Amino acid sequence: MIKSIIIVLLPFGLIYGLMRIHWLLGSLALLGMFWVIRKNWREVKEARRRGDVSSYSTGSEALNWALALAHPMAFHSIQGGFADSQLSGADEALTAQLRPMVLHHLGMRTDLDDASIAGQLPDLLRQRWFMQDLQKPQPGDEPRAAMAFACARTAFYVRCAFMLGWLQEELQQQVLLLNASRAQQCFGSWQEFGTAYAQGRLQWLAQGRADMLGKAVSAEEVAQWVSQPEHPWHAMAWEQPLLPAPDAAR
């Protein structure tokens, strides 16, 4: 009798055991997937914090390149999100930090409200973007160094103005691409641009000025950036084709 019961129940026991094993394996697989996803997300966040080339994700290689001109300032001041397609603007703390500096750079009053800035800035930018940081050269300034510094700062402040909600995306891209084209015409490589940028920044700091980066950039730093595989100044080709920019931004 007992033997008959065991024979009858044995298949059910085997099925139950297999189901438990299947459940256990499924749980382990889910835990493994969760660990991989978590690890990948942490790596992505760390890459964004460092400003690796993978953090440049606007959806346009030309726009990514144009924003990379501002890399030293951007990823010191705005860790992650500066060159992101999912850009959600600046939070309250970042807005408080950026607002007066951007307005000062653009030559606008700091007591203007956002609506007034958004109304005035487009025309002002069309007329002046190519003059920023080049209006009053000092005796002894090296012109190409000043140009590299101006290209980097234009990319940074135009993007910041867009983050603050003062520019439409179309005009932002027009100016950024024109500025990028200017950089490509004046310099032949990231090394050449970076070396001139470091010199231009030193010239600017020598006048007692300061910005969010807060320090000079050394030739050694530039050499390191252009040799690091994950740095945009190494990973992005200097000869990146740039989309034609409409004449409206001139």
C-alpha atoms as a PDB file:
ATOM      1  CA  MET A   1       0.000   0.000   0.000  1.00  0.00           C
ATOM      2  CA  ILE A   2       2.717   2.459   1.018  1.00  0.00           C
ATOM      3  CA  LYS A   3       4.791   1.422  -1.984  1.00  0.00           C
ATOM      4  CA  SER A   4       1.851   2.124  -4.272  1.00  0.00           C
ATOM      5  CA  ILE A   5       1.357   5.568  -2.734  1.00  0.00           C
ATOM      6  CA  ILE A   6       5.057   6.382  -3.196  1.00  0.00           C
ATOM      7  CA  ILE A   7       4.920   5.274  -6.825  1.00  0.00           C
ATOM      8  CA  VAL A   8       1.876   7.500  -7.403  1.00  0.00           C
ATOM      9  CA  LEU A   9       3.360  10.550  -5.622  1.00  0.00           C
ATOM     10  CA  LEU A  10       6.897  10.237  -7.007  1.00  0.00           C
ATOM     11  CA  PRO A  11       6.178  11.972 -10.367  1.00  0.00           C
ATOM     12  CA  PHE A  12       4.499  14.824  -8.533  1.00  0.00           C
ATOM     13  CA  GLY A  13       7.517  15.157  -6.266  1.00  0.00           C
ATOM     14  CA  LEU A  14       9.847  15.217  -9.239  1.00  0.00           C
ATOM     15  CA  ILE A  15       7.707  17.848 -10.960  1.00  0.00           C
ATOM     16  CA  TYR A  16       7.667  19.952  -7.778  1.00  0.00           C
ATOM     17  CA  GLY A  17      11.425  19.626  -7.426  1.00  0.00           C
ATOM     18  CA  LEU A  18      11.984  20.630 -11.041  1.00  0.00           C
ATOM     19  CA  MET A  19       9.679  23.607 -10.582  1.00  0.00           C
ATOM     20  CA  ARG A  20      11.663  24.731  -7.521  1.00  0.00           C
ATOM     21  CA  ILE A  21      14.926  24.376  -9.439  1.00  0.00           C
ATOM     22  CA  HIS A  22      13.439  26.316 -12.362  1.00  0.00           C
ATOM     23  CA  TRP A  23      12.253  29.057  -9.970  1.00  0.00           C
ATOM     24  CA  LEU A  24      15.675  29.189  -8.336  1.00  0.00           C
ATOM     25  CA  LEU A  25      17.470  29.423 -11.684  1.00  0.00           C
ATOM     26  CA  GLY A  26      15.053  32.110 -12.841  1.00  0.00           C
ATOM     27  CA  SER A  27      15.645  34.100  -9.651  1.00  0.00           C
ATOM     28  CA  LEU A  28      19.402  33.818 -10.083  1.00  0.00           C
ATOM     29  CA  ALA A  29      19.097  34.955 -13.709  1.00  0.00           C
ATOM     30  CA  LEU A  30      17.014  37.979 -12.681  1.00  0.00           C
ATOM     31  CA  LEU A  31      19.516  38.848  -9.959  1.00  0.00           C
ATOM     32  CA  GLY A  32      22.316  38.551 -12.511  1.00  0.00           C
ATOM     33  CA  MET A  33      20.490  40.818 -14.962  1.00  0.00           C
ATOM     34  CA  PHE A  34      19.826  43.357 -12.202  1.00  0.00           C
ATOM     35  CA  TRP A  35      23.508  43.341 -11.212  1.00  0.00           C
ATOM     36  CA  VAL A  36      24.628  43.829 -14.830  1.00  0.00           C
ATOM     37  CA  ILE A  37      22.121  46.655 -15.397  1.00  0.00           C
ATOM     38  CA  ARG A  38      23.132  48.326 -12.124  1.00  0.00           C
ATOM     39  CA  LYS A  39      26.823  47.986 -12.971  1.00  0.00           C
ATOM     40  CA  ASN A  40      26.298  49.394 -16.476  1.00  0.00           C
ATOM     41  CA  TRP A  41      24.262  52.307 -15.124  1.00  0.00           C
ATOM     42  CA  ARG A  42      26.979  53.122 -12.603  1.00  0.00           C
ATOM     43  CA  GLU A  43      29.570  53.036 -15.383  1.00  0.00           C
ATOM     44  CA  VAL A  44      27.419  55.338 -17.513  1.00  0.00           C
ATOM     45  CA  LYS A  45      27.005  57.783 -14.616  1.00  0.00           C
ATOM     46  CA  GLU A  46      30.736  57.716 -13.934  1.00  0.00           C
ATOM     47  CA  ALA A  47      31.483  58.304 -17.622  1.00  0.00           C
ATOM     48  CA  ARG A  48      29.074  61.260 -17.618  1.00  0.00           C
ATOM     49  CA  ARG A  49      30.736  62.643 -14.494  1.00  0.00           C
ATOM     50  CA  ARG A  50      34.172  62.385 -16.109  1.00  0.00           C
ATOM     51  CA  GLY A  51      32.897  63.673 -19.432  1.00  0.00           C
ATOM     52  CA  ASP A  52      34.001  60.667 -21.476  1.00  0.00           C
ATOM     53  CA  VAL A  53      33.149  60.736 -25.153  1.00  0.00           C
ATOM     54  CA  SER A  54      30.199  58.423 -24.402  1.00  0.00           C
ATOM     55  CA  SER A  55      28.570  61.301 -22.496  1.00  0.00           C
ATOM     56  CA  TYR A  56      28.243  63.256 -25.746  1.00  0.00           C
ATOM     57  CA  SER A  57      24.825  62.049 -26.864  1.00  0.00           C
ATOM     58  CA  THR A  58      22.951  64.885 -28.540  1.00  0.00           C
ATOM     59  CA  GLY A  59      22.078  62.625 -31.483  1.00  0.00           C
ATOM     60  CA  SER A  60      24.239  64.678 -33.861  1.00  0.00           C
ATOM     61  CA  GLU A  61      27.958  63.997 -34.301  1.00  0.00           C
ATOM     62  CA  ALA A  62      28.442  67.545 -35.578  1.00  0.00           C
ATOM     63  CA  LEU A  63      26.743  69.059 -32.528  1.00  0.00           C
ATOM     64  CA  ASN A  64      28.667  66.753 -30.190  1.00  0.00           C
ATOM     65  CA  TRP A  65      31.875  67.995 -31.814  1.00  0.00           C
ATOM     66  CA  ALA A  66      30.814  71.625 -31.493  1.00  0.00           C
ATOM     67  CA  LEU A  67      30.123  71.169 -27.774  1.00  0.00           C
ATOM     68  CA  ALA A  68      33.427  69.348 -27.197  1.00  0.00           C
ATOM     69  CA  LEU A  69      35.230  72.654 -27.802  1.00  0.00           C
ATOM     70  CA  ALA A  70      33.996  73.684 -24.357  1.00  0.00           C
ATOM     71  CA  HIS A  71      34.968  70.416 -22.676  1.00  0.00           C
ATOM     72  CA  PRO A  72      37.402  71.753 -20.024  1.00  0.00           C
ATOM     73  CA  MET A  73      34.852  74.263 -18.705  1.00  0.00           C
ATOM     74  CA  ALA A  74      31.741  72.175 -19.291  1.00  0.00           C
ATOM     75  CA  PHE A  75      32.685  69.043 -17.403  1.00  0.00           C
ATOM     76  CA  HIS A  76      34.299  70.970 -14.584  1.00  0.00           C
ATOM     77  CA  SER A  77      31.201  73.111 -14.068  1.00  0.00           C
ATOM     78  CA  ILE A  78      28.363  70.870 -15.284  1.00  0.00           C
ATOM     79  CA  GLN A  79      29.079  67.210 -14.599  1.00  0.00           C
ATOM     80  CA  GLY A  80      26.918  65.250 -17.018  1.00  0.00           C
ATOM     81  CA  GLY A  81      24.083  66.504 -19.155  1.00  0.00           C
ATOM     82  CA  PHE A  82      25.961  69.294 -20.965  1.00  0.00           C
ATOM     83  CA  ALA A  83      25.949  67.320 -24.213  1.00  0.00           C
ATOM     84  CA  ASP A  84      22.937  65.094 -23.588  1.00  0.00           C
ATOM     85  CA  SER A  85      19.966  64.665 -25.919  1.00  0.00           C
ATOM     86  CA  GLN A  86      17.749  64.418 -22.823  1.00  0.00           C
ATOM     87  CA  LEU A  87      18.835  67.844 -21.601  1.00  0.00           C
ATOM     88  CA  SER A  88      16.300  68.985 -19.016  1.00  0.00           C
ATOM     89  CA  GLY A  89      17.701  72.430 -18.275  1.00  0.00           C
ATOM     90  CA  ALA A  90      19.584  73.668 -15.247  1.00  0.00           C
ATOM     91  CA  ASP A  91      18.357  72.993 -11.721  1.00  0.00           C
ATOM     92  CA  GLU A  92      17.908  75.806  -9.205  1.00  0.00           C
ATOM     93  CA  ALA A  93      21.438  75.638  -7.799  1.00  0.00           C
ATOM     94  CA  LEU A  94      23.088  75.485 -11.217  1.00  0.00           C
ATOM     95  CA  THR A  95      20.864  78.293 -12.508  1.00  0.00           C
ATOM     96  CA  ALA A  96      21.934  80.533  -9.631  1.00  0.00           C
ATOM     97  CA  GLN A  97      25.559  79.798 -10.472  1.00  0.00           C
ATOM     98  CA  LEU A  98      25.315  80.140 -14.247  1.00  0.00           C
ATOM     99  CA  ARG A  99      22.878  83.019 -14.644  1.00  0.00           C
ATOM    100  CA  PRO A 100      25.060  86.017 -13.665  1.00  0.00           C
ATOM    101  CA  MET A 101      28.142  84.643 -15.455  1.00  0.00           C
ATOM    102  CA  VAL A 102      26.301  83.977 -18.712  1.00  0.00           C
ATOM    103  CA  LEU A 103      24.635  87.401 -18.678  1.00  0.00           C
ATOM    104  CA  HIS A 104      27.956  89.101 -17.949  1.00  0.00           C
ATOM    105  CA  HIS A 105      29.652  87.226 -20.775  1.00  0.00           C
ATOM    106  CA  LEU A 106      26.865  88.172 -23.193  1.00  0.00           C
ATOM    107  CA  GLY A 107      26.933  91.819 -22.116  1.00  0.00           C
ATOM    108  CA  MET A 108      23.399  91.825 -20.686  1.00  0.00           C
ATOM    109  CA  ARG A 109      22.091  93.343 -17.448  1.00  0.00           C
ATOM    110  CA  THR A 110      21.829  90.880 -14.572  1.00  0.00           C
ATOM    111  CA  ASP A 111      18.552  92.389 -13.318  1.00  0.00           C
ATOM    112  CA  LEU A 112      16.596  91.364 -16.424  1.00  0.00           C
ATOM    113  CA  ASP A 113      13.898  88.741 -16.007  1.00  0.00           C
ATOM    114  CA  ASP A 114      13.955  85.552 -18.073  1.00  0.00           C
ATOM    115  CA  ALA A 115      11.252  86.730 -20.491  1.00  0.00           C
ATOM    116  CA  SER A 116      13.215  89.905 -21.285  1.00  0.00           C
ATOM    117  CA  ILE A 117      16.429  87.951 -21.772  1.00  0.00           C
ATOM    118  CA  ALA A 118      14.735  85.461 -24.089  1.00  0.00           C
ATOM    119  CA  GLY A 119      13.294  88.353 -26.075  1.00  0.00           C
ATOM    120  CA  GLN A 120      16.578  90.260 -26.488  1.00  0.00           C
ATOM    121  CA  LEU A 121      19.208  87.529 -26.654  1.00  0.00           C
ATOM    122  CA  PRO A 122      18.523  86.023 -30.113  1.00  0.00           C
ATOM    123  CA  ASP A 123      19.206  89.259 -32.012  1.00  0.00           C
ATOM    124  CA  LEU A 124      22.113  90.157 -29.749  1.00  0.00           C
ATOM    125  CA  LEU A 125      23.679  86.737 -30.286  1.00  0.00           C
ATOM    126  CA  ARG A 126      23.301  86.919 -34.057  1.00  0.00           C
ATOM    127  CA  GLN A 127      25.116  90.254 -34.060  1.00  0.00           C
ATOM    128  CA  ARG A 128      27.853  89.535 -31.506  1.00  0.00           C
ATOM    129  CA  TRP A 129      28.593  85.840 -31.083  1.00  0.00           C
ATOM    130  CA  PHE A 130      31.764  85.990 -33.191  1.00  0.00           C
ATOM    131  CA  MET A 131      33.091  88.998 -31.221  1.00  0.00           C
ATOM    132  CA  GLN A 132      32.881  87.547 -27.714  1.00  0.00           C
ATOM    133  CA  ASP A 133      36.259  87.604 -25.910  1.00  0.00           C
ATOM    134  CA  LEU A 134      37.891  89.206 -28.960  1.00  0.00           C
ATOM    135  CA  GLN A 135      36.766  92.845 -28.658  1.00  0.00           C
ATOM    136  CA  LYS A 136      39.619  94.206 -26.519  1.00  0.00           C
ATOM    137  CA  PRO A 137      42.887  92.360 -27.084  1.00  0.00           C
ATOM    138  CA  GLN A 138      45.704  93.252 -24.732  1.00  0.00           C
ATOM    139  CA  PRO A 139      49.197  94.245 -25.920  1.00  0.00           C
ATOM    140  CA  GLY A 140      51.229  91.076 -26.345  1.00  0.00           C
ATOM    141  CA  ASP A 141      48.218  88.744 -26.693  1.00  0.00           C
ATOM    142  CA  GLU A 142      48.763  85.966 -29.220  1.00  0.00           C
ATOM    143  CA  PRO A 143      45.808  86.179 -31.675  1.00  0.00           C
ATOM    144  CA  ARG A 144      45.428  82.442 -32.328  1.00  0.00           C
ATOM    145  CA  ALA A 145      45.453  81.754 -28.604  1.00  0.00           C
ATOM    146  CA  ALA A 146      42.732  84.350 -28.102  1.00  0.00           C
ATOM    147  CA  MET A 147      40.710  82.751 -30.909  1.00  0.00           C
ATOM    148  CA  ALA A 148      40.905  79.246 -29.402  1.00  0.00           C
ATOM    149  CA  PHE A 149      39.834  80.596 -26.021  1.00  0.00           C
ATOM    150  CA  ALA A 150      36.955  82.504 -27.640  1.00  0.00           C
ATOM    151  CA  CYS A 151      35.767  79.391 -29.503  1.00  0.00           C
ATOM    152  CA  ALA A 152      35.696  77.343 -26.287  1.00  0.00           C
ATOM    153  CA  ARG A 153      33.863  80.027 -24.326  1.00  0.00           C
ATOM    154  CA  THR A 154      31.330  80.663 -27.079  1.00  0.00           C
ATOM    155  CA  ALA A 155      30.428  76.960 -27.131  1.00  0.00           C
ATOM    156  CA  PHE A 156      30.076  76.918 -23.350  1.00  0.00           C
ATOM    157  CA  TYR A 157      27.995  80.050 -22.904  1.00  0.00           C
ATOM    158  CA  VAL A 158      25.689  79.472 -25.875  1.00  0.00           C
ATOM    159  CA  ARG A 159      24.895  75.994 -24.550  1.00  0.00           C
ATOM    160  CA  CYS A 160      24.332  77.427 -21.068  1.00  0.00           C
ATOM    161  CA  ALA A 161      21.944  80.045 -22.457  1.00  0.00           C
ATOM    162  CA  PHE A 162      19.977  77.212 -24.059  1.00  0.00           C
ATOM    163  CA  MET A 163      19.980  75.260 -20.768  1.00  0.00           C
ATOM    164  CA  LEU A 164      18.620  78.330 -18.989  1.00  0.00           C
ATOM    165  CA  GLY A 165      15.740  78.519 -21.470  1.00  0.00           C
ATOM    166  CA  TRP A 166      16.794  81.740 -23.196  1.00  0.00           C
ATOM    167  CA  LEU A 167      17.452  80.311 -26.678  1.00  0.00           C
ATOM    168  CA  GLN A 168      15.484  78.151 -29.068  1.00  0.00           C
ATOM    169  CA  GLU A 169      17.216  74.939 -30.090  1.00  0.00           C
ATOM    170  CA  GLU A 170      17.520  75.947 -33.761  1.00  0.00           C
ATOM    171  CA  LEU A 171      19.419  79.173 -33.078  1.00  0.00           C
ATOM    172  CA  GLN A 172      21.577  77.452 -30.477  1.00  0.00           C
ATOM    173  CA  GLN A 173      22.648  74.855 -33.042  1.00  0.00           C
ATOM    174  CA  GLN A 174      23.248  77.465 -35.743  1.00  0.00           C
ATOM    175  CA  VAL A 175      25.641  79.435 -33.566  1.00  0.00           C
ATOM    176  CA  LEU A 176      27.371  76.360 -32.159  1.00  0.00           C
ATOM    177  CA  LEU A 177      28.025  74.970 -35.639  1.00  0.00           C
ATOM    178  CA  LEU A 178      29.255  78.297 -36.988  1.00  0.00           C
ATOM    179  CA  ASN A 179      31.593  78.553 -34.011  1.00  0.00           C
ATOM    180  CA  ALA A 180      32.779  74.976 -34.626  1.00  0.00           C
ATOM    181  CA  SER A 181      33.439  75.775 -38.283  1.00  0.00           C
ATOM    182  CA  ARG A 182      35.482  78.783 -37.203  1.00  0.00           C
ATOM    183  CA  ALA A 183      37.595  76.559 -34.940  1.00  0.00           C
ATOM    184  CA  GLN A 184      38.210  74.025 -37.707  1.00  0.00           C
ATOM    185  CA  GLN A 185      39.283  76.767 -40.102  1.00  0.00           C
ATOM    186  CA  CYS A 186      41.736  78.266 -37.591  1.00  0.00           C
ATOM    187  CA  PHE A 187      43.299  75.070 -36.205  1.00  0.00           C
ATOM    188  CA  GLY A 188      44.400  71.734 -37.631  1.00  0.00           C
ATOM    189  CA  SER A 189      43.973  69.308 -34.727  1.00  0.00           C
ATOM    190  CA  TRP A 190      42.755  68.957 -31.162  1.00  0.00           C
ATOM    191  CA  GLN A 191      46.373  69.208 -30.023  1.00  0.00           C
ATOM    192  CA  GLU A 192      46.816  72.501 -31.856  1.00  0.00           C
ATOM    193  CA  PHE A 193      43.504  73.840 -30.607  1.00  0.00           C
ATOM    194  CA  GLY A 194      44.141  72.690 -27.025  1.00  0.00           C
ATOM    195  CA  THR A 195      47.616  74.203 -26.900  1.00  0.00           C
ATOM    196  CA  ALA A 196      46.286  77.528 -28.178  1.00  0.00           C
ATOM    197  CA  TYR A 197      43.337  77.320 -25.753  1.00  0.00           C
ATOM    198  CA  ALA A 198      45.677  76.841 -22.789  1.00  0.00           C
ATOM    199  CA  GLN A 199      47.728  79.869 -23.858  1.00  0.00           C
ATOM    200  CA  GLY A 200      44.608  81.930 -24.485  1.00  0.00           C
ATOM    201  CA  ARG A 201      43.233  81.073 -21.074  1.00  0.00           C
ATOM    202  CA  LEU A 202      46.521  82.100 -19.462  1.00  0.00           C
ATOM    203  CA  GLN A 203      46.363  85.445 -21.308  1.00  0.00           C
ATOM    204  CA  TRP A 204      42.815  85.977 -20.068  1.00  0.00           C
ATOM    205  CA  LEU A 205      43.631  85.072 -16.443  1.00  0.00           C
ATOM    206  CA  ALA A 206      46.617  87.428 -16.503  1.00  0.00           C
ATOM    207  CA  GLN A 207      44.120  90.314 -16.660  1.00  0.00           C
ATOM    208  CA  GLY A 208      42.784  89.383 -13.214  1.00  0.00           C
ATOM    209  CA  ARG A 209      39.688  87.620 -14.538  1.00  0.00           C
ATOM    210  CA  ALA A 210      38.030  84.459 -13.274  1.00  0.00           C
ATOM    211  CA  ASP A 211      35.309  82.017 -14.295  1.00  0.00           C
ATOM    212  CA  MET A 212      33.817  78.679 -13.239  1.00  0.00           C
ATOM    213  CA  LEU A 213      36.931  76.685 -14.152  1.00  0.00           C
ATOM    214  CA  GLY A 214      38.959  78.853 -11.828  1.00  0.00           C
ATOM    215  CA  LYS A 215      42.449  77.876 -12.961  1.00  0.00           C
ATOM    216  CA  ALA A 216      44.918  77.793 -15.802  1.00  0.00           C
ATOM    217  CA  VAL A 217      45.245  74.775 -18.101  1.00  0.00           C
ATOM    218  CA  SER A 218      48.744  73.363 -18.558  1.00  0.00           C
ATOM    219  CA  ALA A 219      50.350  71.971 -21.686  1.00  0.00           C
ATOM    220  CA  GLU A 220      50.697  68.670 -19.826  1.00  0.00           C
ATOM    221  CA  GLU A 221      46.934  68.522 -19.246  1.00  0.00           C
ATOM    222  CA  VAL A 222      46.253  69.155 -22.922  1.00  0.00           C
ATOM    223  CA  ALA A 223      48.731  66.422 -23.914  1.00  0.00           C
ATOM    224  CA  GLN A 224      46.997  64.018 -21.532  1.00  0.00           C
ATOM    225  CA  TRP A 225      43.525  64.850 -22.860  1.00  0.00           C
ATOM    226  CA  VAL A 226      44.438  64.324 -26.511  1.00  0.00           C
ATOM    227  CA  SER A 227      46.035  60.958 -25.706  1.00  0.00           C
ATOM    228  CA  GLN A 228      43.253  59.468 -23.537  1.00  0.00           C
ATOM    229  CA  PRO A 229      41.107  57.074 -25.642  1.00  0.00           C
ATOM    230  CA  GLU A 230      37.872  58.048 -23.870  1.00  0.00           C
ATOM    231  CA  HIS A 231      38.451  61.803 -23.964  1.00  0.00           C
ATOM    232  CA  PRO A 232      36.460  63.593 -26.696  1.00  0.00           C
ATOM    233  CA  TRP A 233      39.591  65.458 -27.798  1.00  0.00           C
ATOM    234  CA  HIS A 234      41.083  62.091 -28.712  1.00  0.00           C
ATOM    235  CA  ALA A 235      38.024  60.082 -29.738  1.00  0.00           C
ATOM    236  CA  MET A 236      36.432  62.708 -32.001  1.00  0.00           C
ATOM    237  CA  ALA A 237      38.101  63.311 -35.352  1.00  0.00           C
ATOM    238  CA  TRP A 238      39.140  66.938 -35.791  1.00  0.00           C
ATOM    239  CA  GLU A 239      37.951  66.753 -39.393  1.00  0.00           C
ATOM    240  CA  GLN A 240      34.382  65.922 -38.315  1.00  0.00           C
ATOM    241  CA  PRO A 241      32.020  67.155 -41.093  1.00  0.00           C
ATOM    242  CA  LEU A 242      29.787  69.907 -39.778  1.00  0.00           C
ATOM    243  CA  LEU A 243      26.233  70.454 -40.949  1.00  0.00           C
ATOM    244  CA  PRO A 244      25.724  73.590 -43.019  1.00  0.00           C
ATOM    245  CA  ALA A 245      24.650  76.418 -40.756  1.00  0.00           C
ATOM    246  CA  PRO A 246      22.010  78.861 -42.095  1.00  0.00           C
ATOM    247  CA  ASP A 247      23.068  82.434 -42.808  1.00  0.00           C
ATOM    248  CA  ALA A 248      20.496  83.695 -40.323  1.00  0.00           C
ATOM    249  CA  ALA A 249      22.961  83.293 -37.454  1.00  0.00           C
ATOM    250  CA  ARG A 250      25.583  85.482 -39.123  1.00  0.00           C
END
